Amino acid sequence: MLGIPREFPRFCAVGAIGFVVDAGVLHVMARQFGLDPYSGRAISFLLAATVTWQLNRHYTFSAAGESRLCRQWGRYVAANAMGGGLNYLTYSAGVMLFDIVQQHLLLGVAVGSAIGLLVNYTASRHLVFKRAAAGW
């Protein structure tokens, strides 16, 4: 695909699943358990990151051979911290600045997810799953 790495469309598909997990858990945390939108988002983001790590590990980068799962998960979370930080900052700014985002938290999740996508892909490909991405 014209200069687009073969893993990128898969990474985006996995990201879409992560988005659904993130938004769904946030909704439950905020609406059902009464958590504020910031604490709820911290929980939903961590769960979504765990789901996307597993899917990227098996589907996107096929790195299932990694023997130390906790270590790989830790690298995944650490490598994606920058994109996750941008994601969360964008979400938080939207909640603070726009009434529509306060009323529809999903909008903040969507914009934050889009901002973090490229950073997370680059970090995942080059720092976490580099052997799988290189075809090793």
N, C-alpha and C. Protein backbone atom coordinates (compact mmCIF):
# COMPACT_ATOMS: atom_id res chain seq x y z
N MET A 1 0.83 -1.19 0.00
CA MET A 1 0.00 0.00 0.00
C MET A 1 0.87 1.25 0.00
N LEU A 2 1.26 1.74 -1.09
CA LEU A 2 1.94 3.00 -1.30
C LEU A 2 2.67 3.60 -0.10
N GLY A 3 3.67 2.96 0.38
CA GLY A 3 4.50 3.49 1.46
C GLY A 3 3.93 3.34 2.86
N ILE A 4 2.76 2.78 2.99
CA ILE A 4 2.17 2.57 4.31
C ILE A 4 2.58 1.18 4.78
N PRO A 5 3.23 1.10 5.95
CA PRO A 5 3.63 -0.23 6.46
C PRO A 5 2.41 -1.16 6.57
N ARG A 6 2.63 -2.42 6.28
CA ARG A 6 1.52 -3.38 6.26
C ARG A 6 0.82 -3.49 7.60
N GLU A 7 1.50 -3.18 8.68
CA GLU A 7 0.89 -3.29 10.01
C GLU A 7 -0.05 -2.14 10.34
N PHE A 8 0.10 -1.00 9.64
CA PHE A 8 -0.66 0.18 10.03
C PHE A 8 -2.18 -0.01 9.96
N PRO A 9 -2.73 -0.58 8.89
CA PRO A 9 -4.19 -0.79 8.88
C PRO A 9 -4.65 -1.71 10.01
N ARG A 10 -3.86 -2.73 10.31
CA ARG A 10 -4.20 -3.62 11.43
C ARG A 10 -4.14 -2.87 12.76
N PHE A 11 -3.10 -2.04 12.91
CA PHE A 11 -2.96 -1.24 14.13
C PHE A 11 -4.18 -0.33 14.29
N CYS A 12 -4.64 0.24 13.20
CA CYS A 12 -5.83 1.11 13.25
C CYS A 12 -7.07 0.31 13.63
N ALA A 13 -7.22 -0.90 13.08
CA ALA A 13 -8.37 -1.75 13.43
C ALA A 13 -8.34 -2.12 14.91
N VAL A 14 -7.17 -2.47 15.40
CA VAL A 14 -7.01 -2.77 16.83
C VAL A 14 -7.32 -1.52 17.65
N GLY A 15 -6.86 -0.37 17.18
CA GLY A 15 -7.15 0.88 17.86
C GLY A 15 -8.64 1.16 17.94
N ALA A 16 -9.37 0.80 16.89
CA ALA A 16 -10.82 0.99 16.90
C ALA A 16 -11.47 0.13 17.99
N ILE A 17 -10.98 -1.09 18.15
CA ILE A 17 -11.48 -1.95 19.22
C ILE A 17 -11.12 -1.35 20.58
N GLY A 18 -9.89 -0.86 20.69
CA GLY A 18 -9.47 -0.19 21.92
C GLY A 18 -10.33 1.02 22.23
N PHE A 19 -10.70 1.75 21.20
CA PHE A 19 -11.58 2.91 21.37
C PHE A 19 -12.93 2.49 21.96
N VAL A 20 -13.49 1.41 21.45
CA VAL A 20 -14.78 0.93 21.96
C VAL A 20 -14.65 0.51 23.43
N VAL A 21 -13.56 -0.19 23.76
CA VAL A 21 -13.33 -0.58 25.15
C VAL A 21 -13.17 0.67 26.02
N ASP A 22 -12.34 1.60 25.57
CA ASP A 22 -12.08 2.83 26.32
C ASP A 22 -13.38 3.60 26.56
N ALA A 23 -14.14 3.85 25.52
CA ALA A 23 -15.38 4.62 25.64
C ALA A 23 -16.42 3.87 26.46
N GLY A 24 -16.53 2.56 26.27
CA GLY A 24 -17.51 1.78 27.01
C GLY A 24 -17.23 1.74 28.50
N VAL A 25 -15.97 1.49 28.85
CA VAL A 25 -15.60 1.45 30.27
C VAL A 25 -15.74 2.84 30.89
N LEU A 26 -15.35 3.87 30.16
CA LEU A 26 -15.52 5.23 30.66
C LEU A 26 -16.99 5.52 30.96
N HIS A 27 -17.86 5.12 30.05
CA HIS A 27 -19.30 5.34 30.25
C HIS A 27 -19.77 4.65 31.52
N VAL A 28 -19.38 3.41 31.70
CA VAL A 28 -19.77 2.66 32.90
C VAL A 28 -19.20 3.31 34.16
N MET A 29 -17.93 3.68 34.12
CA MET A 29 -17.29 4.28 35.30
C MET A 29 -17.95 5.62 35.67
N ALA A 30 -18.24 6.44 34.67
CA ALA A 30 -18.80 7.77 34.93
C ALA A 30 -20.29 7.71 35.24
N ARG A 31 -21.03 6.95 34.48
CA ARG A 31 -22.49 6.97 34.60
C ARG A 31 -23.02 5.98 35.63
N GLN A 32 -22.43 4.81 35.69
CA GLN A 32 -22.94 3.78 36.60
C GLN A 32 -22.30 3.84 37.99
N PHE A 33 -21.00 4.17 38.04
CA PHE A 33 -20.30 4.19 39.31
C PHE A 33 -20.04 5.60 39.84
N GLY A 34 -20.41 6.61 39.07
CA GLY A 34 -20.31 7.98 39.53
C GLY A 34 -18.90 8.55 39.62
N LEU A 35 -17.94 7.91 38.98
CA LEU A 35 -16.57 8.45 38.99
C LEU A 35 -16.52 9.72 38.15
N ASP A 36 -15.65 10.63 38.55
CA ASP A 36 -15.46 11.83 37.75
C ASP A 36 -14.86 11.42 36.40
N PRO A 37 -15.00 12.27 35.38
CA PRO A 37 -14.54 11.89 34.05
C PRO A 37 -13.03 11.67 33.93
N TYR A 38 -12.26 12.20 34.86
CA TYR A 38 -10.80 12.03 34.80
C TYR A 38 -10.37 10.68 35.39
N SER A 39 -10.90 10.34 36.55
CA SER A 39 -10.59 9.04 37.15
C SER A 39 -11.15 7.91 36.30
N GLY A 40 -12.37 8.11 35.81
CA GLY A 40 -12.98 7.10 34.94
C GLY A 40 -12.15 6.87 33.69
N ARG A 41 -11.61 7.94 33.15
CA ARG A 41 -10.80 7.82 31.93
C ARG A 41 -9.48 7.13 32.22
N ALA A 42 -8.90 7.36 33.36
CA ALA A 42 -7.65 6.68 33.70
C ALA A 42 -7.87 5.17 33.73
N ILE A 43 -8.96 4.73 34.31
CA ILE A 43 -9.28 3.30 34.37
C ILE A 43 -9.57 2.76 32.98
N SER A 44 -10.40 3.47 32.23
CA SER A 44 -10.79 2.98 30.90
C SER A 44 -9.59 2.93 29.97
N PHE A 45 -8.70 3.90 30.08
CA PHE A 45 -7.52 3.91 29.23
C PHE A 45 -6.60 2.73 29.52
N LEU A 46 -6.39 2.43 30.78
CA LEU A 46 -5.53 1.31 31.16
C LEU A 46 -6.10 -0.01 30.67
N LEU A 47 -7.41 -0.19 30.79
CA LEU A 47 -8.02 -1.42 30.28
C LEU A 47 -7.93 -1.50 28.76
N ALA A 48 -8.17 -0.38 28.09
CA ALA A 48 -8.07 -0.36 26.64
C ALA A 48 -6.63 -0.65 26.19
N ALA A 49 -5.64 -0.11 26.89
CA ALA A 49 -4.24 -0.37 26.55
C ALA A 49 -3.90 -1.85 26.69
N THR A 50 -4.45 -2.51 27.69
CA THR A 50 -4.20 -3.93 27.88
C THR A 50 -4.82 -4.74 26.74
N VAL A 51 -6.04 -4.39 26.35
CA VAL A 51 -6.70 -5.08 25.24
C VAL A 51 -5.93 -4.86 23.94
N THR A 52 -5.52 -3.63 23.67
CA THR A 52 -4.81 -3.37 22.41
C THR A 52 -3.42 -4.02 22.40
N TRP A 53 -2.78 -4.10 23.55
CA TRP A 53 -1.49 -4.80 23.60
C TRP A 53 -1.67 -6.25 23.17
N GLN A 54 -2.66 -6.92 23.74
CA GLN A 54 -2.90 -8.33 23.39
C GLN A 54 -3.21 -8.49 21.90
N LEU A 55 -4.08 -7.65 21.39
CA LEU A 55 -4.44 -7.76 19.97
C LEU A 55 -3.27 -7.41 19.06
N ASN A 56 -2.54 -6.36 19.38
CA ASN A 56 -1.37 -6.01 18.57
C ASN A 56 -0.31 -7.10 18.63
N ARG A 57 -0.18 -7.70 19.77
CA ARG A 57 0.80 -8.76 19.98
C ARG A 57 0.51 -9.97 19.10
N HIS A 58 -0.76 -10.32 18.97
CA HIS A 58 -1.13 -11.52 18.22
C HIS A 58 -1.52 -11.24 16.77
N TYR A 59 -2.12 -10.10 16.51
CA TYR A 59 -2.69 -9.83 15.19
C TYR A 59 -1.82 -8.88 14.36
N THR A 60 -1.47 -7.75 14.93
CA THR A 60 -0.76 -6.73 14.15
C THR A 60 0.69 -7.08 13.91
N PHE A 61 1.40 -7.40 14.97
CA PHE A 61 2.84 -7.63 14.87
C PHE A 61 3.23 -9.09 15.06
N SER A 62 2.29 -9.94 15.35
CA SER A 62 2.53 -11.39 15.51
C SER A 62 3.74 -11.68 16.39
N ALA A 63 3.80 -11.03 17.54
CA ALA A 63 4.92 -11.21 18.46
C ALA A 63 4.56 -12.15 19.59
N ALA A 64 3.74 -13.14 19.31
CA ALA A 64 3.27 -14.04 20.36
C ALA A 64 4.39 -14.86 20.98
N GLY A 65 5.55 -14.91 20.33
CA GLY A 65 6.65 -15.70 20.85
C GLY A 65 7.36 -15.09 22.04
N GLU A 66 7.06 -13.84 22.39
CA GLU A 66 7.69 -13.19 23.54
C GLU A 66 7.42 -14.01 24.80
N SER A 67 8.47 -14.41 25.49
CA SER A 67 8.30 -15.30 26.63
C SER A 67 7.92 -14.56 27.92
N ARG A 68 8.28 -13.31 28.04
CA ARG A 68 8.01 -12.56 29.27
C ARG A 68 6.89 -11.56 29.02
N LEU A 69 5.68 -12.02 29.23
CA LEU A 69 4.51 -11.20 28.92
C LEU A 69 4.47 -9.91 29.73
N CYS A 70 4.76 -10.01 31.01
CA CYS A 70 4.70 -8.81 31.85
C CYS A 70 5.71 -7.77 31.39
N ARG A 71 6.87 -8.23 30.98
CA ARG A 71 7.90 -7.31 30.50
C ARG A 71 7.45 -6.64 29.21
N GLN A 72 6.88 -7.41 28.30
CA GLN A 72 6.41 -6.84 27.04
C GLN A 72 5.26 -5.86 27.28
N TRP A 73 4.33 -6.24 28.17
CA TRP A 73 3.23 -5.34 28.50
C TRP A 73 3.78 -4.04 29.09
N GLY A 74 4.75 -4.15 29.96
CA GLY A 74 5.38 -2.97 30.54
C GLY A 74 6.02 -2.09 29.49
N ARG A 75 6.73 -2.70 28.54
CA ARG A 75 7.34 -1.93 27.45
C ARG A 75 6.26 -1.27 26.59
N TYR A 76 5.18 -1.99 26.35
CA TYR A 76 4.08 -1.44 25.55
C TYR A 76 3.49 -0.21 26.22
N VAL A 77 3.19 -0.34 27.50
CA VAL A 77 2.60 0.79 28.24
C VAL A 77 3.58 1.95 28.30
N ALA A 78 4.85 1.66 28.58
CA ALA A 78 5.86 2.72 28.66
C ALA A 78 6.07 3.39 27.31
N ALA A 79 6.18 2.59 26.25
CA ALA A 79 6.42 3.13 24.92
C ALA A 79 5.24 3.97 24.43
N ASN A 80 4.06 3.63 24.87
CA ASN A 80 2.87 4.35 24.44
C ASN A 80 2.46 5.45 25.42
N ALA A 81 3.28 5.68 26.42
CA ALA A 81 2.94 6.71 27.42
C ALA A 81 2.85 8.11 26.80
N MET A 82 3.70 8.39 25.84
CA MET A 82 3.66 9.72 25.22
C MET A 82 2.35 9.91 24.45
N GLY A 83 2.01 8.94 23.61
CA GLY A 83 0.74 9.03 22.88
C GLY A 83 -0.44 9.01 23.84
N GLY A 84 -0.32 8.20 24.88
CA GLY A 84 -1.38 8.15 25.89
C GLY A 84 -1.51 9.47 26.63
N GLY A 85 -0.37 10.10 26.91
CA GLY A 85 -0.39 11.41 27.57
C GLY A 85 -1.04 12.47 26.69
N LEU A 86 -0.67 12.47 25.41
CA LEU A 86 -1.31 13.41 24.48
C LEU A 86 -2.80 13.12 24.36
N ASN A 87 -3.14 11.85 24.33
CA ASN A 87 -4.54 11.44 24.28
C ASN A 87 -5.29 11.99 25.49
N TYR A 88 -4.75 11.76 26.68
CA TYR A 88 -5.43 12.17 27.91
C TYR A 88 -5.47 13.70 28.04
N LEU A 89 -4.39 14.38 27.67
CA LEU A 89 -4.39 15.85 27.72
C LEU A 89 -5.42 16.44 26.78
N THR A 90 -5.52 15.89 25.59
CA THR A 90 -6.51 16.36 24.63
C THR A 90 -7.92 16.13 25.16
N TYR A 91 -8.15 14.94 25.69
CA TYR A 91 -9.45 14.61 26.30
C TYR A 91 -9.77 15.58 27.43
N SER A 92 -8.83 15.78 28.35
CA SER A 92 -9.05 16.65 29.51
C SER A 92 -9.32 18.09 29.09
N ALA A 93 -8.56 18.58 28.11
CA ALA A 93 -8.77 19.94 27.62
C ALA A 93 -10.17 20.07 27.03
N GLY A 94 -10.59 19.07 26.29
CA GLY A 94 -11.94 19.09 25.71
C GLY A 94 -13.01 19.13 26.78
N VAL A 95 -12.84 18.32 27.83
CA VAL A 95 -13.80 18.29 28.93
C VAL A 95 -13.86 19.65 29.63
N MET A 96 -12.70 20.26 29.84
CA MET A 96 -12.65 21.54 30.55
C MET A 96 -13.15 22.71 29.70
N LEU A 97 -12.92 22.66 28.40
CA LEU A 97 -13.18 23.82 27.56
C LEU A 97 -14.50 23.81 26.79
N PHE A 98 -15.05 22.64 26.56
CA PHE A 98 -16.22 22.57 25.69
C PHE A 98 -17.39 21.85 26.36
N ASP A 99 -18.51 22.55 26.44
CA ASP A 99 -19.72 21.96 27.04
C ASP A 99 -20.14 20.69 26.31
N ILE A 100 -20.02 20.68 24.99
CA ILE A 100 -20.46 19.51 24.23
C ILE A 100 -19.64 18.28 24.60
N VAL A 101 -18.35 18.47 24.89
CA VAL A 101 -17.51 17.34 25.29
C VAL A 101 -17.90 16.90 26.70
N GLN A 102 -18.23 17.84 27.57
CA GLN A 102 -18.69 17.48 28.92
C GLN A 102 -19.97 16.65 28.85
N GLN A 103 -20.82 16.96 27.91
CA GLN A 103 -22.09 16.24 27.76
C GLN A 103 -21.92 14.92 27.01
N HIS A 104 -20.92 14.85 26.14
CA HIS A 104 -20.69 13.65 25.32
C HIS A 104 -19.21 13.29 25.41
N LEU A 105 -18.84 12.63 26.48
CA LEU A 105 -17.44 12.29 26.73
C LEU A 105 -16.80 11.52 25.58
N LEU A 106 -17.61 10.81 24.82
CA LEU A 106 -17.13 10.04 23.68
C LEU A 106 -16.39 10.94 22.68
N LEU A 107 -16.83 12.17 22.53
CA LEU A 107 -16.14 13.10 21.62
C LEU A 107 -14.71 13.36 22.08
N GLY A 108 -14.54 13.55 23.37
CA GLY A 108 -13.19 13.76 23.90
C GLY A 108 -12.31 12.54 23.72
N VAL A 109 -12.89 11.35 23.92
CA VAL A 109 -12.14 10.11 23.72
C VAL A 109 -11.72 9.99 22.26
N ALA A 110 -12.62 10.33 21.33
CA ALA A 110 -12.33 10.21 19.90
C ALA A 110 -11.19 11.13 19.48
N VAL A 111 -11.25 12.39 19.89
CA VAL A 111 -10.20 13.34 19.51
C VAL A 111 -8.86 12.94 20.14
N GLY A 112 -8.90 12.56 21.41
CA GLY A 112 -7.68 12.12 22.08
C GLY A 112 -7.06 10.90 21.42
N SER A 113 -7.91 9.97 21.02
CA SER A 113 -7.42 8.75 20.37
C SER A 113 -6.76 9.06 19.03
N ALA A 114 -7.35 9.96 18.27
CA ALA A 114 -6.78 10.33 16.98
C ALA A 114 -5.41 10.99 17.15
N ILE A 115 -5.28 11.83 18.15
CA ILE A 115 -4.00 12.52 18.40
C ILE A 115 -2.91 11.51 18.76
N GLY A 116 -3.24 10.53 19.58
CA GLY A 116 -2.25 9.56 20.04
C GLY A 116 -1.91 8.46 19.05
N LEU A 117 -2.70 8.28 18.00
CA LEU A 117 -2.55 7.15 17.08
C LEU A 117 -1.16 7.04 16.47
N LEU A 118 -0.69 8.07 15.83
CA LEU A 118 0.60 7.98 15.14
C LEU A 118 1.77 7.82 16.10
N VAL A 119 1.70 8.50 17.23
CA VAL A 119 2.76 8.35 18.23
C VAL A 119 2.78 6.92 18.75
N ASN A 120 1.61 6.38 19.06
CA ASN A 120 1.54 5.01 19.58
C ASN A 120 1.98 3.98 18.55
N TYR A 121 1.60 4.17 17.30
CA TYR A 121 2.01 3.23 16.26
C TYR A 121 3.54 3.21 16.13
N THR A 122 4.12 4.39 16.03
CA THR A 122 5.57 4.49 15.87
C THR A 122 6.29 3.85 17.05
N ALA A 123 5.85 4.15 18.26
CA ALA A 123 6.48 3.58 19.45
C ALA A 123 6.30 2.06 19.50
N SER A 124 5.12 1.59 19.17
CA SER A 124 4.87 0.14 19.19
C SER A 124 5.72 -0.58 18.16
N ARG A 125 5.77 -0.04 16.97
CA ARG A 125 6.51 -0.69 15.89
C ARG A 125 8.02 -0.72 16.13
N HIS A 126 8.54 0.38 16.65
CA HIS A 126 9.99 0.50 16.75
C HIS A 126 10.57 0.16 18.13
N LEU A 127 9.75 0.19 19.16
CA LEU A 127 10.27 -0.06 20.51
C LEU A 127 9.75 -1.35 21.16
N VAL A 128 8.53 -1.74 20.84
CA VAL A 128 7.94 -2.90 21.52
C VAL A 128 7.97 -4.15 20.65
N PHE A 129 7.52 -4.03 19.42
CA PHE A 129 7.38 -5.18 18.54
C PHE A 129 8.37 -5.11 17.37
N LYS A 130 9.54 -4.57 17.59
CA LYS A 130 10.47 -4.31 16.49
C LYS A 130 10.89 -5.57 15.74
N ARG A 131 11.08 -6.68 16.44
CA ARG A 131 11.47 -7.90 15.74
C ARG A 131 10.37 -8.41 14.85
N ALA A 132 9.13 -8.37 15.34
CA ALA A 132 8.00 -8.82 14.53
C ALA A 132 7.79 -7.90 13.34
N ALA A 133 7.91 -6.59 13.55
CA ALA A 133 7.71 -5.63 12.47
C ALA A 133 8.78 -5.77 11.39
N ALA A 134 9.97 -6.15 11.78
CA ALA A 134 11.08 -6.31 10.83
C ALA A 134 11.02 -7.67 10.13
N GLY A 135 10.07 -8.51 10.51
CA GLY A 135 9.94 -9.81 9.88
C GLY A 135 10.87 -10.86 10.45
N TRP A 136 11.37 -10.66 11.66
CA TRP A 136 12.28 -11.62 12.29
C TRP A 136 11.54 -12.82 12.81
